[in-house]
Structures are given as structure tokens and as C-alpha cells.
Amino acid sequence: MVNLELRRDRIVARFRDKKSEWVIEPRYWRNPIIGISVLLILPLFLSSYHHILAMFTTANLYAAIAIPLSLQMLGTGRVNFGPQLYLGIGGYTAALLNLHFGWSPAMTLAATITVCAAISLLLSPTTLIAKGLYFSLITLILPLTFMDVTFIWGDIFRGEVGLVGMSALLSFEKVSWNYIAYYYLSLFLMLSYLLFSDRIVRSRFGINVAAINENENVARMMGVNVDRYKVFYYVMPSILTGIVGWFIVHTFRTFAGVTYLPLEFMTKILIIVIVGGRAFLYGAIPGAYLISIVEDSLRGLGPVNYFMFPLILIALIVFLPRGEGLWGLYHKRRPRDYFPKLHVRRD
């Protein structure tokens, strides 16, 4: 029998040894609802501005990469400097199967998940063996090595040119409908990742991971299977990142490793995590939108863009609250913790 408890800020349902909670106090859900509502109505005012819709679609994809990365930082207790490795694996898997074997987007999605799961499971022991700087260096080298492979086997991966002409997820007669549809699809993907990560952080599963992140030896003494958690938190975010690569392939219908595998792209994602607030889940969204707007605004400056963009990013890191980014500015005015937060170990 299900027992319901009505508390001041939530409803609690208990069935045997399981418990579910639904927050009813506005302070916990008001701001997320306002933010999501703004993102939902944006295309209604920007339907004729295709360039802006494409920029916001890219921002959603940036956030969809930063959110799993933040979750991985908590679950493994390691800083991954190469999350774009699985972006490249997922993208090339989908592109090659679609171009050479005619697989549909649904089939390439299944293949992307399978390939990313297999490769990440194969590489997951690095989270157990390498610590601190050594793990970061390994993850930094892997995507750069993969990028070299795309040049060495240029007849397959097409080097700097990349692969083009993949099947589209959606195709409408009006061009504006395509931009709107892909914006909403990318928004749905990003919000799905956010909801998934949010549920993990709030669950008992997330509490065990927080204990591992705080002190692995103490967590082991408490009976937590540390190795299993680390493998899971390396594999699952890697699969989620690979799905973003699949989405890019079937949205923009082009994919080039030289765009997504270099250090510049990795730095951009890490900056989003830092600017939004280091490992604050909700902070990845404003961080991604801010970086996308700054990047797009500076492109009109020509070659000066290559100097201005890094300087602006450095300024954001220096002047925003250390470790808390944009979230820190909000948190100063509203000190209560309404949103899920991941405490990342410093060592």
C-alpha cells in the first residue's frame, strides 16, 4: 500500500522501501519554470532570424555536452580534458554508417550508443588507475590522437573537409520551420540531460557518489563499490556525449573532426562549465548561451576574433565568483540552494 505524507514543501509517497518526492513549494521550481518557458517561446519571436536560431541551437548542444561532463567530474572525481573524444566517435559512427550503408538516423543512433558504450567501457579502467593530472593528460591526448587518425585515413574520414550529405532528422518545405524544429529538438535533448542528471544528484545513488568524491577510502569502508560507480560515471556521460555527436551529424548534415576534436573546442566546453559555475548543473545553460553569444558576436571582427575571444573568456573567469561562475552572482542575492549542486574535489 502506498503511504502519502503532505509536508510543508513537498509530497512524499512511500511504497515498501522505496520513496518518491514531489516539491510543491514555489521557491524550488519557480525559477526553473521561468527559464524553461523563456527558452520555449524564443522561436516565436525569432522565427525569421535563422542565424540567431542556429546560434541558440549550438548553445543547447554546448550545454548538452557540459552537463554530462559536470556529472562525470563528480562521479569519477577526475577532470576530463577530452570529452570531445566521444563527440567525435559518435559523430563519425553515425556519419559513416549513414553515408556508406544507408542506415537511417534511428539505426545510427543505436549504433552510436553501442560503439560509445563499448569504447568507453574499454577505457574506463583509466579512472581506476590514473589519478589527478595523469588522468587529465590521458583524456587530453586521446581526442588529439583521434584527430590525427582522421588525417592519416583521410579517404575514410575526409580530413579537414569532413563528411557531408548525411540524412536529416527532419525536413520541411519552409526553411524557417527546419531551424525552429532543430532548435526545439536540441532544447529537448539538453533538458533531458539536465533532468537525468538532476534525478541522479537528488537520489541515494547521488549521495553515494558524493561520498566517493569526498573521500574514496571512507566510501569504501562504508561499503560503497567505488570502482563500479567510477566505471558507470565514466561510461554513461560518454554515451550521452556521443549522442550529441549523432545529433550534430543529422542536424547540420556535416561532420569534421578538425572542428570538434582540437584543444580549442575542449577549452570552450570547460570554460562553459567554469563560467556557468563549476559542476553546477543549471549553470551550464546560461554559461553555454553566454559563450555562444560572445563567440558569434566577435566573428564579425575578422582576425581580431582570435585574440578577443580568449581575452573575454579569461576576464569572465577572473571577475566571476571563483568556482561558482554565473551561479555565484545569483547565489549572492538568494543564498538558499534551490538547484542541485555538485561538489567537485579539488585534488
Protein backbone atom coordinates (compact mmCIF):
# COMPACT_ATOMS: atom_id res chain seq x y z
CA MET A 1 0.00 0.00 0.00
CA VAL A 2 1.23 3.50 -0.85
CA ASN A 3 1.51 5.94 2.06
CA LEU A 4 1.30 9.65 1.26
CA GLU A 5 2.78 12.35 3.51
CA LEU A 6 1.95 16.02 3.00
CA ARG A 7 4.80 18.19 4.24
CA ARG A 8 5.36 21.93 4.17
CA ASP A 9 7.26 21.97 0.89
CA ARG A 10 6.67 18.55 -0.67
CA ILE A 11 4.54 15.42 -1.01
CA VAL A 12 6.24 12.15 -0.08
CA ALA A 13 5.00 8.77 -1.36
CA ARG A 14 6.31 5.60 0.27
CA PHE A 15 5.86 2.08 -1.05
CA ARG A 16 7.69 -0.59 0.96
CA ASP A 17 11.34 0.51 1.00
CA LYS A 18 11.02 3.00 -1.89
CA LYS A 19 10.33 6.72 -1.58
CA SER A 20 9.38 9.39 -4.13
CA GLU A 21 9.09 13.13 -3.53
CA TRP A 22 7.32 15.96 -5.39
CA VAL A 23 8.24 19.52 -4.47
CA ILE A 24 5.23 21.83 -4.18
CA GLU A 25 6.76 24.99 -2.71
CA PRO A 26 7.20 27.62 -5.49
CA ARG A 27 10.71 28.68 -4.48
CA TYR A 28 12.04 25.30 -5.60
CA TRP A 29 10.51 25.23 -9.08
CA ARG A 30 9.61 28.85 -9.93
CA ASN A 31 12.96 29.91 -11.41
CA PRO A 32 13.50 26.73 -13.48
CA ILE A 33 9.98 27.04 -14.88
CA ILE A 34 10.58 30.70 -15.82
CA GLY A 35 13.88 29.84 -17.50
CA ILE A 36 12.47 26.92 -19.47
CA SER A 37 9.43 28.98 -20.51
CA VAL A 38 11.71 31.69 -21.91
CA LEU A 39 13.62 29.09 -23.93
CA LEU A 40 10.37 27.62 -25.24
CA ILE A 41 8.95 30.90 -26.52
CA LEU A 42 12.16 32.25 -28.07
CA PRO A 43 11.43 30.88 -31.59
CA LEU A 44 8.08 32.68 -31.62
CA PHE A 45 9.96 35.99 -31.76
CA LEU A 46 12.98 34.84 -33.78
CA SER A 47 11.41 32.66 -36.48
CA SER A 48 12.69 34.93 -39.26
CA TYR A 49 16.20 35.22 -37.77
CA HIS A 50 17.69 31.94 -38.89
CA HIS A 51 21.20 32.86 -37.83
CA ILE A 52 20.13 33.51 -34.23
CA LEU A 53 18.14 30.27 -34.08
CA ALA A 54 21.20 28.36 -35.31
CA MET A 55 23.32 30.07 -32.65
CA PHE A 56 20.87 29.08 -29.89
CA THR A 57 20.74 25.53 -31.24
CA THR A 58 24.51 25.39 -30.93
CA ALA A 59 24.24 26.76 -27.38
CA ASN A 60 21.84 23.95 -26.47
CA LEU A 61 24.32 21.41 -27.83
CA TYR A 62 27.18 23.02 -25.89
CA ALA A 63 25.11 22.70 -22.71
CA ALA A 64 24.25 19.09 -23.60
CA ILE A 65 27.99 18.35 -23.59
CA ALA A 66 28.79 20.38 -20.46
CA ILE A 67 26.06 18.76 -18.30
CA PRO A 68 27.34 15.15 -18.68
CA LEU A 69 30.89 16.44 -18.20
CA SER A 70 29.88 18.02 -14.88
CA LEU A 71 28.24 14.76 -13.84
CA GLN A 72 31.35 12.83 -14.83
CA MET A 73 33.56 15.13 -12.77
CA LEU A 74 31.54 14.23 -9.70
CA GLY A 75 31.21 10.52 -10.35
CA THR A 76 34.86 9.83 -11.16
CA GLY A 77 36.49 12.51 -9.04
CA ARG A 78 38.61 13.33 -12.10
CA VAL A 79 38.71 16.27 -14.52
CA ASN A 80 38.23 15.05 -18.09
CA PHE A 81 40.13 17.24 -20.57
CA GLY A 82 38.84 15.36 -23.61
CA PRO A 83 35.05 14.97 -23.54
CA GLN A 84 35.01 15.71 -27.26
CA LEU A 85 36.55 12.29 -27.92
CA TYR A 86 33.13 10.65 -27.72
CA LEU A 87 31.58 13.53 -29.61
CA GLY A 88 33.88 12.57 -32.48
CA ILE A 89 33.27 8.84 -32.08
CA GLY A 90 29.52 9.29 -32.06
CA GLY A 91 29.57 11.71 -34.97
CA TYR A 92 31.79 9.61 -37.23
CA THR A 93 29.93 6.41 -36.37
CA ALA A 94 26.61 7.94 -37.41
CA ALA A 95 28.02 9.68 -40.48
CA LEU A 96 29.92 6.70 -41.89
CA LEU A 97 27.07 4.24 -41.39
CA ASN A 98 24.58 6.64 -42.95
CA LEU A 99 26.73 7.51 -45.96
CA HIS A 100 28.19 4.10 -46.82
CA PHE A 101 25.48 1.71 -45.65
CA GLY A 102 22.37 3.86 -45.89
CA TRP A 103 21.39 3.40 -42.24
CA SER A 104 18.53 5.57 -41.03
CA PRO A 105 19.04 8.05 -38.15
CA ALA A 106 17.29 5.64 -35.77
CA MET A 107 19.70 2.85 -36.70
CA THR A 108 22.76 5.12 -36.48
CA LEU A 109 21.57 6.24 -33.02
CA ALA A 110 21.55 2.65 -31.80
CA ALA A 111 24.98 2.10 -33.36
CA THR A 112 26.34 5.30 -31.78
CA ILE A 113 25.18 4.23 -28.32
CA THR A 114 26.68 0.76 -28.78
CA VAL A 115 30.06 1.97 -30.09
CA CYS A 116 30.43 4.72 -27.46
CA ALA A 117 29.45 2.29 -24.69
CA ALA A 118 31.99 -0.30 -25.88
CA ILE A 119 34.89 2.15 -26.27
CA SER A 120 34.18 3.99 -23.02
CA LEU A 121 33.90 0.69 -21.15
CA LEU A 122 37.25 -0.32 -22.63
CA LEU A 123 38.85 2.96 -21.49
CA SER A 124 37.05 3.17 -18.14
CA PRO A 125 39.89 1.47 -16.16
CA THR A 126 41.82 4.72 -16.56
CA THR A 127 39.52 6.20 -13.88
CA LEU A 128 40.74 3.49 -11.51
CA ILE A 129 44.42 3.55 -12.42
CA ALA A 130 45.22 7.20 -13.22
CA LYS A 131 44.66 9.97 -10.71
CA GLY A 132 44.71 13.75 -10.81
CA LEU A 133 46.96 15.20 -13.50
CA TYR A 134 47.71 11.81 -15.08
CA PHE A 135 44.05 11.16 -15.86
CA SER A 136 43.66 14.67 -17.28
CA LEU A 137 46.70 14.18 -19.53
CA ILE A 138 45.39 10.85 -20.82
CA THR A 139 41.99 12.31 -21.65
CA LEU A 140 43.70 15.29 -23.28
CA ILE A 141 45.79 13.11 -25.60
CA LEU A 142 43.05 10.74 -26.77
CA PRO A 143 40.95 13.18 -28.88
CA LEU A 144 44.10 14.68 -30.40
CA THR A 145 45.22 11.19 -31.39
CA PHE A 146 41.82 10.52 -32.91
CA MET A 147 42.09 13.75 -34.89
CA ASP A 148 45.43 12.58 -36.29
CA VAL A 149 43.73 9.34 -37.34
CA THR A 150 41.15 11.33 -39.32
CA PHE A 151 44.03 12.87 -41.31
CA ILE A 152 46.01 9.65 -41.73
CA TRP A 153 42.94 7.80 -43.04
CA GLY A 154 41.68 10.77 -44.98
CA ASP A 155 39.98 8.59 -47.59
CA ILE A 156 37.56 7.44 -44.85
CA PHE A 157 37.23 10.45 -42.56
CA ARG A 158 37.91 13.13 -45.19
CA GLY A 159 40.42 15.04 -43.02
CA GLU A 160 39.84 18.79 -42.89
CA VAL A 161 36.91 18.68 -45.30
CA GLY A 162 34.89 16.26 -43.19
CA LEU A 163 31.89 14.18 -44.17
CA VAL A 164 28.87 15.85 -45.77
CA GLY A 165 25.45 14.91 -47.10
CA MET A 166 24.13 12.78 -44.24
CA SER A 167 20.39 12.21 -43.85
CA ALA A 168 18.45 14.88 -41.98
CA LEU A 169 16.34 14.13 -38.92
CA LEU A 170 13.57 16.39 -40.21
CA SER A 171 12.92 18.16 -43.48
CA PHE A 172 10.18 20.74 -44.06
CA GLU A 173 9.33 22.76 -47.13
CA LYS A 174 9.85 26.07 -45.34
CA VAL A 175 13.42 26.74 -44.25
CA SER A 176 12.31 28.59 -41.11
CA TRP A 177 10.42 25.51 -39.93
CA ASN A 178 13.62 23.48 -40.09
CA TYR A 179 15.50 25.98 -37.92
CA ILE A 180 12.67 26.06 -35.39
CA ALA A 181 12.34 22.28 -35.33
CA TYR A 182 16.05 21.72 -34.75
CA TYR A 183 16.08 24.36 -32.03
CA TYR A 184 13.32 22.55 -30.17
CA LEU A 185 14.96 19.15 -30.69
CA SER A 186 18.28 20.43 -29.30
CA LEU A 187 16.41 22.04 -26.39
CA PHE A 188 14.63 18.76 -25.67
CA LEU A 189 17.97 16.91 -25.75
CA MET A 190 19.59 19.39 -23.37
CA LEU A 191 16.65 19.42 -20.93
CA SER A 192 16.54 15.62 -20.97
CA TYR A 193 20.19 15.52 -19.92
CA LEU A 194 19.50 18.09 -17.23
CA LEU A 195 16.54 16.13 -15.85
CA PHE A 196 18.51 12.87 -15.92
CA SER A 197 21.45 14.43 -14.06
CA ASP A 198 19.14 16.20 -11.63
CA ARG A 199 17.43 12.95 -10.68
CA ILE A 200 20.76 11.23 -10.10
CA VAL A 201 22.07 14.04 -7.89
CA ARG A 202 18.92 14.05 -5.76
CA SER A 203 18.78 10.26 -5.38
CA ARG A 204 20.50 7.96 -2.91
CA PHE A 205 22.71 6.95 -5.81
CA GLY A 206 23.97 10.53 -5.96
CA ILE A 207 24.65 10.57 -2.22
CA ASN A 208 26.93 7.56 -2.56
CA VAL A 209 28.78 9.25 -5.41
CA ALA A 210 29.18 12.43 -3.36
CA ALA A 211 30.75 10.31 -0.62
CA ILE A 212 33.16 8.80 -3.15
CA ASN A 213 34.07 12.23 -4.44
CA GLU A 214 34.71 13.50 -0.93
CA ASN A 215 36.89 10.60 0.22
CA GLU A 216 37.23 7.32 -1.65
CA ASN A 217 38.75 5.41 1.29
CA VAL A 218 35.94 6.40 3.64
CA ALA A 219 33.36 5.45 0.99
CA ARG A 220 34.94 2.01 0.65
CA MET A 221 34.78 1.50 4.41
CA MET A 222 31.09 2.40 4.27
CA GLY A 223 30.53 -0.47 1.83
CA VAL A 224 30.23 1.57 -1.39
CA ASN A 225 31.51 -0.19 -4.51
CA VAL A 226 33.76 2.68 -5.62
CA ASP A 227 35.11 1.01 -8.76
CA ARG A 228 31.64 0.19 -10.10
CA TYR A 229 30.46 3.77 -9.56
CA LYS A 230 33.51 5.21 -11.31
CA VAL A 231 33.06 2.98 -14.34
CA PHE A 232 29.37 3.87 -14.59
CA TYR A 233 30.04 7.59 -14.29
CA TYR A 234 32.68 7.40 -16.99
CA VAL A 235 30.62 5.29 -19.42
CA MET A 236 27.20 6.95 -19.10
CA PRO A 237 28.32 10.59 -19.71
CA SER A 238 30.46 9.33 -22.61
CA ILE A 239 27.38 7.78 -24.22
CA LEU A 240 25.40 11.00 -23.70
CA THR A 241 28.19 13.00 -25.35
CA GLY A 242 28.28 10.56 -28.27
CA ILE A 243 24.55 11.08 -28.81
CA VAL A 244 25.24 14.81 -29.20
CA GLY A 245 27.67 13.91 -32.00
CA TRP A 246 24.94 11.84 -33.65
CA PHE A 247 22.56 14.80 -33.35
CA ILE A 248 25.08 17.16 -34.97
CA VAL A 249 25.52 14.78 -37.90
CA HIS A 250 21.82 14.53 -38.67
CA THR A 251 21.08 18.19 -37.94
CA PHE A 252 23.85 20.07 -39.73
CA ARG A 253 24.43 17.17 -42.16
CA THR A 254 28.19 17.63 -41.94
CA PHE A 255 30.86 16.50 -39.52
CA ALA A 256 34.58 17.21 -39.41
CA GLY A 257 36.98 16.12 -36.68
CA VAL A 258 39.02 19.27 -37.17
CA THR A 259 36.04 21.23 -35.82
CA TYR A 260 35.18 19.19 -32.72
CA LEU A 261 38.38 17.37 -31.68
CA PRO A 262 41.00 20.14 -31.24
CA LEU A 263 42.01 21.81 -27.98
CA GLU A 264 40.00 24.91 -28.86
CA PHE A 265 36.70 23.05 -28.67
CA MET A 266 37.69 21.31 -25.43
CA THR A 267 38.64 24.65 -23.90
CA LYS A 268 35.27 26.10 -24.90
CA ILE A 269 33.37 23.32 -23.10
CA LEU A 270 35.50 23.60 -19.97
CA ILE A 271 35.01 27.37 -19.99
CA ILE A 272 31.24 26.83 -20.13
CA VAL A 273 31.47 24.64 -17.04
CA ILE A 274 33.60 27.24 -15.25
CA VAL A 275 31.60 30.30 -16.33
CA GLY A 276 28.27 28.66 -15.55
CA GLY A 277 29.61 27.51 -12.20
CA ARG A 278 31.98 24.62 -11.75
CA ALA A 279 29.81 21.49 -11.81
CA PHE A 280 26.54 23.34 -11.14
CA LEU A 281 24.06 21.62 -13.42
CA TYR A 282 21.78 24.56 -14.10
CA GLY A 283 24.76 26.88 -14.57
CA ALA A 284 25.77 25.04 -17.75
CA ILE A 285 22.78 26.52 -19.61
CA PRO A 286 23.45 30.26 -19.12
CA GLY A 287 27.16 29.51 -19.49
CA ALA A 288 26.59 27.87 -22.88
CA TYR A 289 24.33 30.68 -24.10
CA LEU A 290 26.77 33.35 -22.95
CA ILE A 291 29.74 31.72 -24.66
CA SER A 292 27.74 31.17 -27.88
CA ILE A 293 26.59 34.80 -27.99
CA VAL A 294 30.10 36.13 -27.33
CA GLU A 295 31.62 33.79 -29.93
CA ASP A 296 29.06 34.69 -32.57
CA SER A 297 29.26 38.43 -31.89
CA LEU A 298 33.03 38.51 -32.31
CA ARG A 299 33.07 36.70 -35.67
CA GLY A 300 32.27 39.95 -37.45
CA LEU A 301 35.58 41.40 -36.25
CA GLY A 302 37.58 39.16 -38.57
CA PRO A 303 41.06 38.01 -37.46
CA VAL A 304 40.78 40.10 -34.28
CA ASN A 305 38.30 37.48 -33.09
CA TYR A 306 41.13 35.04 -32.41
CA PHE A 307 42.57 37.45 -29.83
CA MET A 308 39.41 38.97 -28.37
CA PHE A 309 37.55 35.75 -27.64
CA PRO A 310 40.22 34.23 -25.35
CA LEU A 311 40.68 37.58 -23.58
CA ILE A 312 36.96 37.86 -22.85
CA LEU A 313 36.87 34.29 -21.56
CA ILE A 314 39.81 34.98 -19.26
CA ALA A 315 38.07 38.11 -17.98
CA LEU A 316 34.91 36.14 -17.23
CA ILE A 317 36.89 33.56 -15.26
CA VAL A 318 38.76 36.24 -13.29
CA PHE A 319 35.84 38.51 -12.39
CA LEU A 320 33.09 35.95 -11.79
CA PRO A 321 32.99 34.36 -8.31
CA ARG A 322 35.69 31.72 -8.16
CA GLY A 323 34.38 28.23 -8.74
CA GLU A 324 30.75 29.38 -8.88
CA GLY A 325 30.59 31.50 -12.05
CA LEU A 326 27.25 32.95 -13.02
CA TRP A 327 25.61 30.84 -10.34
CA GLY A 328 27.70 32.68 -7.75
CA LEU A 329 26.21 36.03 -8.81
CA TYR A 330 22.71 34.65 -8.33
CA HIS A 331 23.64 32.87 -5.12
CA LYS A 332 24.82 36.11 -3.50
CA ARG A 333 21.32 37.56 -3.72
CA ARG A 334 19.48 34.30 -2.98
CA PRO A 335 21.69 32.24 -0.70
CA ARG A 336 19.38 29.22 -0.44
CA ASP A 337 20.32 26.20 -2.52
CA TYR A 338 17.29 25.72 -4.74
CA PHE A 339 19.12 23.90 -7.52
CA PRO A 340 21.17 20.68 -7.45
CA LYS A 341 24.84 21.26 -6.87
CA LEU A 342 27.86 19.03 -7.42
CA HIS A 343 30.83 19.47 -5.13
CA VAL A 344 33.94 18.63 -7.14
CA ARG A 345 37.00 17.51 -5.29
CA ARG A 346 39.96 19.86 -5.66
CA ASP A 347 42.85 17.37 -5.54
